[in-house]
Amino acid sequence: MRQVHPMVHQADRPDGGVEWGCPRCGRYMIFYPLRRLVVTLGQANVVHLSGAPFPPPPDHARGLSEFDRRWLRGNDLAWDP
């Protein structure tokens, strides 16, 4: 089984790229919508995982419609916001 290193979000670039770095081995990447650029290789035989940064929480949550509430109840998924 190969080692897994989680990558950490570093910065959002003005050109649309998102920078990610591995604190364990130094791998540094820039993700663009259609490509990725490896700036520093780090350990090549390791699986590196990155994910999108979490979006900011909404100012208010949208309420559920009556249709949604019936569907949830009908599928035994109680929802009480």
PDB file of N, CA and C in Angstrom:
ATOM      1  N   MET A   1       0.840  -1.185   0.000  1.00  0.00           N
ATOM      2  CA  MET A   1       0.000   0.000   0.000  1.00  0.00           C
ATOM      3  C   MET A   1       0.886   1.249   0.000  1.00  0.00           C
ATOM      4  N   ARG A   2       0.537   2.179  -0.856  1.00  0.00           N
ATOM      5  CA  ARG A   2       1.331   3.399  -0.963  1.00  0.00           C
ATOM      6  C   ARG A   2       0.964   4.392   0.126  1.00  0.00           C
ATOM      7  N   GLN A   3       1.929   5.190   0.505  1.00  0.00           N
ATOM      8  CA  GLN A   3       1.720   6.234   1.497  1.00  0.00           C
ATOM      9  C   GLN A   3       0.827   7.325   0.931  1.00  0.00           C
ATOM     10  N   VAL A   4       0.028   7.965   1.794  1.00  0.00           N
ATOM     11  CA  VAL A   4      -0.859   9.048   1.371  1.00  0.00           C
ATOM     12  C   VAL A   4      -0.496  10.311   2.148  1.00  0.00           C
ATOM     13  N   HIS A   5      -0.310  11.396   1.433  1.00  0.00           N
ATOM     14  CA  HIS A   5      -0.040  12.695   2.049  1.00  0.00           C
ATOM     15  C   HIS A   5      -1.194  13.641   1.718  1.00  0.00           C
ATOM     16  N   PRO A   6      -1.864  14.189   2.719  1.00  0.00           N
ATOM     17  CA  PRO A   6      -2.890  15.203   2.431  1.00  0.00           C
ATOM     18  C   PRO A   6      -2.219  16.536   2.125  1.00  0.00           C
ATOM     19  N   MET A   7      -2.683  17.191   1.086  1.00  0.00           N
ATOM     20  CA  MET A   7      -2.135  18.497   0.726  1.00  0.00           C
ATOM     21  C   MET A   7      -2.984  19.587   1.379  1.00  0.00           C
ATOM     22  N   VAL A   8      -2.376  20.733   1.606  1.00  0.00           N
ATOM     23  CA  VAL A   8      -3.018  21.842   2.306  1.00  0.00           C
ATOM     24  C   VAL A   8      -3.191  23.018   1.342  1.00  0.00           C
ATOM     25  N   HIS A   9      -4.377  23.595   1.353  1.00  0.00           N
ATOM     26  CA  HIS A   9      -4.658  24.770   0.519  1.00  0.00           C
ATOM     27  C   HIS A   9      -3.750  25.913   0.959  1.00  0.00           C
ATOM     28  N   GLN A  10      -3.049  26.501   0.009  1.00  0.00           N
ATOM     29  CA  GLN A  10      -2.108  27.582   0.315  1.00  0.00           C
ATOM     30  C   GLN A  10      -2.646  28.952  -0.074  1.00  0.00           C
ATOM     31  N   ALA A  11      -3.174  29.064  -1.282  1.00  0.00           N
ATOM     32  CA  ALA A  11      -3.622  30.382  -1.751  1.00  0.00           C
ATOM     33  C   ALA A  11      -4.475  30.244  -3.002  1.00  0.00           C
ATOM     34  N   ASP A  12      -5.306  31.250  -3.230  1.00  0.00           N
ATOM     35  CA  ASP A  12      -6.044  31.388  -4.482  1.00  0.00           C
ATOM     36  C   ASP A  12      -5.336  32.456  -5.303  1.00  0.00           C
ATOM     37  N   ARG A  13      -5.020  32.132  -6.533  1.00  0.00           N
ATOM     38  CA  ARG A  13      -4.270  33.049  -7.389  1.00  0.00           C
ATOM     39  C   ARG A  13      -5.212  33.950  -8.179  1.00  0.00           C
ATOM     40  N   PRO A  14      -4.786  35.164  -8.510  1.00  0.00           N
ATOM     41  CA  PRO A  14      -5.628  36.069  -9.300  1.00  0.00           C
ATOM     42  C   PRO A  14      -5.923  35.538 -10.706  1.00  0.00           C
ATOM     43  N   ASP A  15      -5.066  34.619 -11.214  1.00  0.00           N
ATOM     44  CA  ASP A  15      -5.288  34.078 -12.554  1.00  0.00           C
ATOM     45  C   ASP A  15      -6.212  32.858 -12.557  1.00  0.00           C
ATOM     46  N   GLY A  16      -6.842  32.557 -11.413  1.00  0.00           N
ATOM     47  CA  GLY A  16      -7.790  31.450 -11.330  1.00  0.00           C
ATOM     48  C   GLY A  16      -7.190  30.162 -10.801  1.00  0.00           C
ATOM     49  N   GLY A  17      -5.916  30.112 -10.579  1.00  0.00           N
ATOM     50  CA  GLY A  17      -5.282  28.913 -10.042  1.00  0.00           C
ATOM     51  C   GLY A  17      -5.464  28.809  -8.537  1.00  0.00           C
ATOM     52  N   VAL A  18      -5.336  27.589  -8.031  1.00  0.00           N
ATOM     53  CA  VAL A  18      -5.407  27.333  -6.595  1.00  0.00           C
ATOM     54  C   VAL A  18      -4.131  26.594  -6.208  1.00  0.00           C
ATOM     55  N   GLU A  19      -3.408  27.132  -5.244  1.00  0.00           N
ATOM     56  CA  GLU A  19      -2.125  26.567  -4.825  1.00  0.00           C
ATOM     57  C   GLU A  19      -2.326  25.589  -3.673  1.00  0.00           C
ATOM     58  N   TRP A  20      -1.644  24.411  -3.789  1.00  0.00           N
ATOM     59  CA  TRP A  20      -1.701  23.376  -2.764  1.00  0.00           C
ATOM     60  C   TRP A  20      -0.277  22.938  -2.443  1.00  0.00           C
ATOM     61  N   GLY A  21      -0.004  22.699  -1.172  1.00  0.00           N
ATOM     62  CA  GLY A  21       1.319  22.246  -0.758  1.00  0.00           C
ATOM     63  C   GLY A  21       1.227  21.069   0.196  1.00  0.00           C
ATOM     64  N   CYS A  22       2.220  20.193   0.145  1.00  0.00           N
ATOM     65  CA  CYS A  22       2.291  19.052   1.052  1.00  0.00           C
ATOM     66  C   CYS A  22       3.266  19.387   2.176  1.00  0.00           C
ATOM     67  N   PRO A  23       2.766  19.450   3.418  1.00  0.00           N
ATOM     68  CA  PRO A  23       3.653  19.787   4.524  1.00  0.00           C
ATOM     69  C   PRO A  23       4.638  18.665   4.882  1.00  0.00           C
ATOM     70  N   ARG A  24       4.407  17.448   4.381  1.00  0.00           N
ATOM     71  CA  ARG A  24       5.260  16.320   4.741  1.00  0.00           C
ATOM     72  C   ARG A  24       6.468  16.165   3.826  1.00  0.00           C
ATOM     73  N   CYS A  25       6.292  16.447   2.525  1.00  0.00           N
ATOM     74  CA  CYS A  25       7.420  16.203   1.618  1.00  0.00           C
ATOM     75  C   CYS A  25       7.758  17.403   0.724  1.00  0.00           C
ATOM     76  N   GLY A  26       6.986  18.469   0.811  1.00  0.00           N
ATOM     77  CA  GLY A  26       7.317  19.671   0.058  1.00  0.00           C
ATOM     78  C   GLY A  26       6.718  19.768  -1.337  1.00  0.00           C
ATOM     79  N   ARG A  27       5.897  18.784  -1.758  1.00  0.00           N
ATOM     80  CA  ARG A  27       5.264  18.871  -3.083  1.00  0.00           C
ATOM     81  C   ARG A  27       4.414  20.138  -3.133  1.00  0.00           C
ATOM     82  N   TYR A  28       4.477  20.849  -4.253  1.00  0.00           N
ATOM     83  CA  TYR A  28       3.730  22.099  -4.404  1.00  0.00           C
ATOM     84  C   TYR A  28       3.111  22.120  -5.792  1.00  0.00           C
ATOM     85  N   MET A  29       1.795  22.334  -5.847  1.00  0.00           N
ATOM     86  CA  MET A  29       1.079  22.291  -7.115  1.00  0.00           C
ATOM     87  C   MET A  29       0.166  23.494  -7.256  1.00  0.00           C
ATOM     88  N   ILE A  30      -0.111  23.839  -8.506  1.00  0.00           N
ATOM     89  CA  ILE A  30      -1.105  24.866  -8.812  1.00  0.00           C
ATOM     90  C   ILE A  30      -2.143  24.211  -9.713  1.00  0.00           C
ATOM     91  N   PHE A  31      -3.389  24.205  -9.258  1.00  0.00           N
ATOM     92  CA  PHE A  31      -4.482  23.634 -10.031  1.00  0.00           C
ATOM     93  C   PHE A  31      -5.215  24.744 -10.771  1.00  0.00           C
ATOM     94  N   TYR A  32      -5.413  24.532 -12.066  1.00  0.00           N
ATOM     95  CA  TYR A  32      -6.226  25.409 -12.900  1.00  0.00           C
ATOM     96  C   TYR A  32      -7.442  24.603 -13.354  1.00  0.00           C
ATOM     97  N   PRO A  33      -8.484  25.247 -13.846  1.00  0.00           N
ATOM     98  CA  PRO A  33      -9.672  24.490 -14.240  1.00  0.00           C
ATOM     99  C   PRO A  33      -9.403  23.349 -15.216  1.00  0.00           C
ATOM    100  N   LEU A  34      -8.482  23.503 -16.156  1.00  0.00           N
ATOM    101  CA  LEU A  34      -8.266  22.467 -17.160  1.00  0.00           C
ATOM    102  C   LEU A  34      -6.882  21.810 -17.099  1.00  0.00           C
ATOM    103  N   ARG A  35      -6.064  22.164 -16.125  1.00  0.00           N
ATOM    104  CA  ARG A  35      -4.731  21.565 -16.036  1.00  0.00           C
ATOM    105  C   ARG A  35      -4.172  21.744 -14.638  1.00  0.00           C
ATOM    106  N   ARG A  36      -3.071  21.069 -14.374  1.00  0.00           N
ATOM    107  CA  ARG A  36      -2.375  21.251 -13.109  1.00  0.00           C
ATOM    108  C   ARG A  36      -0.892  21.402 -13.386  1.00  0.00           C
ATOM    109  N   LEU A  37      -0.244  22.163 -12.557  1.00  0.00           N
ATOM    110  CA  LEU A  37       1.176  22.454 -12.720  1.00  0.00           C
ATOM    111  C   LEU A  37       1.889  22.030 -11.439  1.00  0.00           C
ATOM    112  N   VAL A  38       2.820  21.085 -11.552  1.00  0.00           N
ATOM    113  CA  VAL A  38       3.611  20.656 -10.406  1.00  0.00           C
ATOM    114  C   VAL A  38       4.834  21.553 -10.348  1.00  0.00           C
ATOM    115  N   VAL A  39       4.924  22.369  -9.303  1.00  0.00           N
ATOM    116  CA  VAL A  39       6.035  23.307  -9.156  1.00  0.00           C
ATOM    117  C   VAL A  39       7.216  22.622  -8.488  1.00  0.00           C
ATOM    118  N   THR A  40       6.954  21.859  -7.408  1.00  0.00           N
ATOM    119  CA  THR A  40       7.980  21.102  -6.707  1.00  0.00           C
ATOM    120  C   THR A  40       7.491  19.664  -6.593  1.00  0.00           C
ATOM    121  N   LEU A  41       8.285  18.700  -7.034  1.00  0.00           N
ATOM    122  CA  LEU A  41       7.840  17.319  -7.113  1.00  0.00           C
ATOM    123  C   LEU A  41       7.587  16.668  -5.759  1.00  0.00           C
ATOM    124  N   GLY A  42       8.460  16.869  -4.782  1.00  0.00           N
ATOM    125  CA  GLY A  42       8.305  16.164  -3.509  1.00  0.00           C
ATOM    126  C   GLY A  42       8.571  14.684  -3.710  1.00  0.00           C
ATOM    127  N   GLN A  43       7.863  13.828  -2.972  1.00  0.00           N
ATOM    128  CA  GLN A  43       8.013  12.382  -3.124  1.00  0.00           C
ATOM    129  C   GLN A  43       7.062  11.900  -4.207  1.00  0.00           C
ATOM    130  N   ALA A  44       7.614  11.443  -5.307  1.00  0.00           N
ATOM    131  CA  ALA A  44       6.795  11.055  -6.456  1.00  0.00           C
ATOM    132  C   ALA A  44       6.047   9.749  -6.236  1.00  0.00           C
ATOM    133  N   ASN A  45       6.525   8.863  -5.371  1.00  0.00           N
ATOM    134  CA  ASN A  45       5.891   7.564  -5.176  1.00  0.00           C
ATOM    135  C   ASN A  45       4.791   7.601  -4.110  1.00  0.00           C
ATOM    136  N   VAL A  46       4.381   8.772  -3.692  1.00  0.00           N
ATOM    137  CA  VAL A  46       3.352   8.947  -2.665  1.00  0.00           C
ATOM    138  C   VAL A  46       2.083   9.471  -3.328  1.00  0.00           C
ATOM    139  N   VAL A  47       0.928   9.000  -2.848  1.00  0.00           N
ATOM    140  CA  VAL A  47      -0.353   9.519  -3.327  1.00  0.00           C
ATOM    141  C   VAL A  47      -0.622  10.831  -2.601  1.00  0.00           C
ATOM    142  N   HIS A  48      -0.872  11.896  -3.347  1.00  0.00           N
ATOM    143  CA  HIS A  48      -1.173  13.196  -2.757  1.00  0.00           C
ATOM    144  C   HIS A  48      -2.644  13.514  -2.956  1.00  0.00           C
ATOM    145  N   LEU A  49      -3.324  13.844  -1.868  1.00  0.00           N
ATOM    146  CA  LEU A  49      -4.747  14.174  -1.916  1.00  0.00           C
ATOM    147  C   LEU A  49      -4.943  15.652  -1.660  1.00  0.00           C
ATOM    148  N   SER A  50      -5.749  16.260  -2.477  1.00  0.00           N
ATOM    149  CA  SER A  50      -6.116  17.659  -2.250  1.00  0.00           C
ATOM    150  C   SER A  50      -7.604  17.775  -2.486  1.00  0.00           C
ATOM    151  N   GLY A  51      -8.191  18.775  -1.925  1.00  0.00           N
ATOM    152  CA  GLY A  51      -9.611  19.005  -2.111  1.00  0.00           C
ATOM    153  C   GLY A  51      -9.867  20.488  -2.221  1.00  0.00           C
ATOM    154  N   ALA A  52     -11.011  20.823  -2.724  1.00  0.00           N
ATOM    155  CA  ALA A  52     -11.360  22.235  -2.848  1.00  0.00           C
ATOM    156  C   ALA A  52     -11.512  22.843  -1.469  1.00  0.00           C
ATOM    157  N   PRO A  53     -11.118  24.079  -1.311  1.00  0.00           N
ATOM    158  CA  PRO A  53     -11.338  24.732  -0.024  1.00  0.00           C
ATOM    159  C   PRO A  53     -12.830  24.855   0.242  1.00  0.00           C
ATOM    160  N   PHE A  54     -13.200  24.816   1.498  1.00  0.00           N
ATOM    161  CA  PHE A  54     -14.605  24.907   1.859  1.00  0.00           C
ATOM    162  C   PHE A  54     -15.155  26.285   1.531  1.00  0.00           C
ATOM    163  N   PRO A  55     -16.337  26.344   0.924  1.00  0.00           N
ATOM    164  CA  PRO A  55     -16.932  27.649   0.634  1.00  0.00           C
ATOM    165  C   PRO A  55     -17.389  28.313   1.927  1.00  0.00           C
ATOM    166  N   PRO A  56     -17.488  29.625   1.933  1.00  0.00           N
ATOM    167  CA  PRO A  56     -17.962  30.291   3.141  1.00  0.00           C
ATOM    168  C   PRO A  56     -19.413  29.897   3.418  1.00  0.00           C
ATOM    169  N   PRO A  57     -19.817  29.855   4.690  1.00  0.00           N
ATOM    170  CA  PRO A  57     -21.199  29.485   4.996  1.00  0.00           C
ATOM    171  C   PRO A  57     -22.165  30.535   4.460  1.00  0.00           C
ATOM    172  N   PRO A  58     -23.356  30.098   4.026  1.00  0.00           N
ATOM    173  CA  PRO A  58     -24.327  31.074   3.509  1.00  0.00           C
ATOM    174  C   PRO A  58     -24.861  31.952   4.635  1.00  0.00           C
ATOM    175  N   ASP A  59     -25.331  33.138   4.265  1.00  0.00           N
ATOM    176  CA  ASP A  59     -25.901  34.044   5.259  1.00  0.00           C
ATOM    177  C   ASP A  59     -27.158  33.459   5.879  1.00  0.00           C
ATOM    178  N   HIS A  60     -27.914  32.740   5.093  1.00  0.00           N
ATOM    179  CA  HIS A  60     -29.114  32.079   5.605  1.00  0.00           C
ATOM    180  C   HIS A  60     -29.374  30.823   4.780  1.00  0.00           C
ATOM    181  N   ALA A  61     -29.880  29.813   5.434  1.00  0.00           N
ATOM    182  CA  ALA A  61     -30.175  28.561   4.731  1.00  0.00           C
ATOM    183  C   ALA A  61     -31.552  28.655   4.085  1.00  0.00           C
ATOM    184  N   ARG A  62     -31.646  28.125   2.893  1.00  0.00           N
ATOM    185  CA  ARG A  62     -32.930  28.115   2.198  1.00  0.00           C
ATOM    186  C   ARG A  62     -33.841  27.119   2.886  1.00  0.00           C
ATOM    187  N   GLY A  63     -35.067  27.519   3.140  1.00  0.00           N
ATOM    188  CA  GLY A  63     -36.029  26.623   3.767  1.00  0.00           C
ATOM    189  C   GLY A  63     -36.466  25.535   2.803  1.00  0.00           C
ATOM    190  N   LEU A  64     -36.917  24.434   3.356  1.00  0.00           N
ATOM    191  CA  LEU A  64     -37.398  23.331   2.536  1.00  0.00           C
ATOM    192  C   LEU A  64     -38.826  23.583   2.095  1.00  0.00           C
ATOM    193  N   SER A  65     -39.122  23.195   0.886  1.00  0.00           N
ATOM    194  CA  SER A  65     -40.494  23.311   0.402  1.00  0.00           C
ATOM    195  C   SER A  65     -41.323  22.177   1.019  1.00  0.00           C
ATOM    196  N   GLU A  66     -42.623  22.308   0.937  1.00  0.00           N
ATOM    197  CA  GLU A  66     -43.505  21.255   1.457  1.00  0.00           C
ATOM    198  C   GLU A  66     -43.267  19.954   0.695  1.00  0.00           C
ATOM    199  N   PHE A  67     -43.010  20.036  -0.599  1.00  0.00           N
ATOM    200  CA  PHE A  67     -42.693  18.847  -1.391  1.00  0.00           C
ATOM    201  C   PHE A  67     -41.461  18.139  -0.840  1.00  0.00           C
ATOM    202  N   ASP A  68     -40.409  18.925  -0.540  1.00  0.00           N
ATOM    203  CA  ASP A  68     -39.181  18.341   0.002  1.00  0.00           C
ATOM    204  C   ASP A  68     -39.442  17.685   1.350  1.00  0.00           C
ATOM    205  N   ARG A  69     -40.210  18.353   2.210  1.00  0.00           N
ATOM    206  CA  ARG A  69     -40.517  17.787   3.531  1.00  0.00           C
ATOM    207  C   ARG A  69     -41.276  16.468   3.405  1.00  0.00           C
ATOM    208  N   ARG A  70     -42.272  16.413   2.497  1.00  0.00           N
ATOM    209  CA  ARG A  70     -43.030  15.170   2.296  1.00  0.00           C
ATOM    210  C   ARG A  70     -42.125  14.059   1.779  1.00  0.00           C
ATOM    211  N   TRP A  71     -41.244  14.411   0.836  1.00  0.00           N
ATOM    212  CA  TRP A  71     -40.333  13.412   0.292  1.00  0.00           C
ATOM    213  C   TRP A  71     -39.428  12.852   1.387  1.00  0.00           C
ATOM    214  N   LEU A  72     -38.863  13.741   2.203  1.00  0.00           N
ATOM    215  CA  LEU A  72     -37.989  13.297   3.294  1.00  0.00           C
ATOM    216  C   LEU A  72     -38.746  12.405   4.280  1.00  0.00           C
ATOM    217  N   ARG A  73     -39.949  12.832   4.680  1.00  0.00           N
ATOM    218  CA  ARG A  73     -40.752  12.014   5.596  1.00  0.00           C
ATOM    219  C   ARG A  73     -41.109  10.673   4.956  1.00  0.00           C
ATOM    220  N   GLY A  74     -41.462  10.696   3.682  1.00  0.00           N
ATOM    221  CA  GLY A  74     -41.828   9.469   2.973  1.00  0.00           C
ATOM    222  C   GLY A  74     -40.678   8.484   2.845  1.00  0.00           C
ATOM    223  N   ASN A  75     -39.453   8.965   2.941  1.00  0.00           N
ATOM    224  CA  ASN A  75     -38.270   8.112   2.867  1.00  0.00           C
ATOM    225  C   ASN A  75     -37.603   7.946   4.221  1.00  0.00           C
ATOM    226  N   ASP A  76     -38.384   8.197   5.275  1.00  0.00           N
ATOM    227  CA  ASP A  76     -37.905   8.027   6.654  1.00  0.00           C
ATOM    228  C   ASP A  76     -36.656   8.851   6.948  1.00  0.00           C
ATOM    229  N   LEU A  77     -36.635  10.059   6.407  1.00  0.00           N
ATOM    230  CA  LEU A  77     -35.529  10.991   6.671  1.00  0.00           C
ATOM    231  C   LEU A  77     -36.101  12.229   7.323  1.00  0.00           C
ATOM    232  N   ALA A  78     -36.267  12.169   8.612  1.00  0.00           N
ATOM    233  CA  ALA A  78     -36.847  13.320   9.320  1.00  0.00           C
ATOM    234  C   ALA A  78     -35.899  14.510   9.206  1.00  0.00           C
ATOM    235  N   TRP A  79     -36.454  15.661   8.951  1.00  0.00           N
ATOM    236  CA  TRP A  79     -35.649  16.873   8.806  1.00  0.00           C
ATOM    237  C   TRP A  79     -36.298  17.984   9.605  1.00  0.00           C
ATOM    238  N   ASP A  80     -35.560  18.502  10.547  1.00  0.00           N
ATOM    239  CA  ASP A  80     -36.094  19.567  11.388  1.00  0.00           C
ATOM    240  C   ASP A  80     -35.038  20.662  11.499  1.00  0.00           C
ATOM    241  N   PRO A  81     -35.033  21.611  10.558  1.00  0.00           N
ATOM    242  CA  PRO A  81     -33.980  22.628  10.567  1.00  0.00           C
ATOM    243  C   PRO A  81     -34.067  23.564  11.758  1.00  0.00           C
TER     244      PRO A  81
END
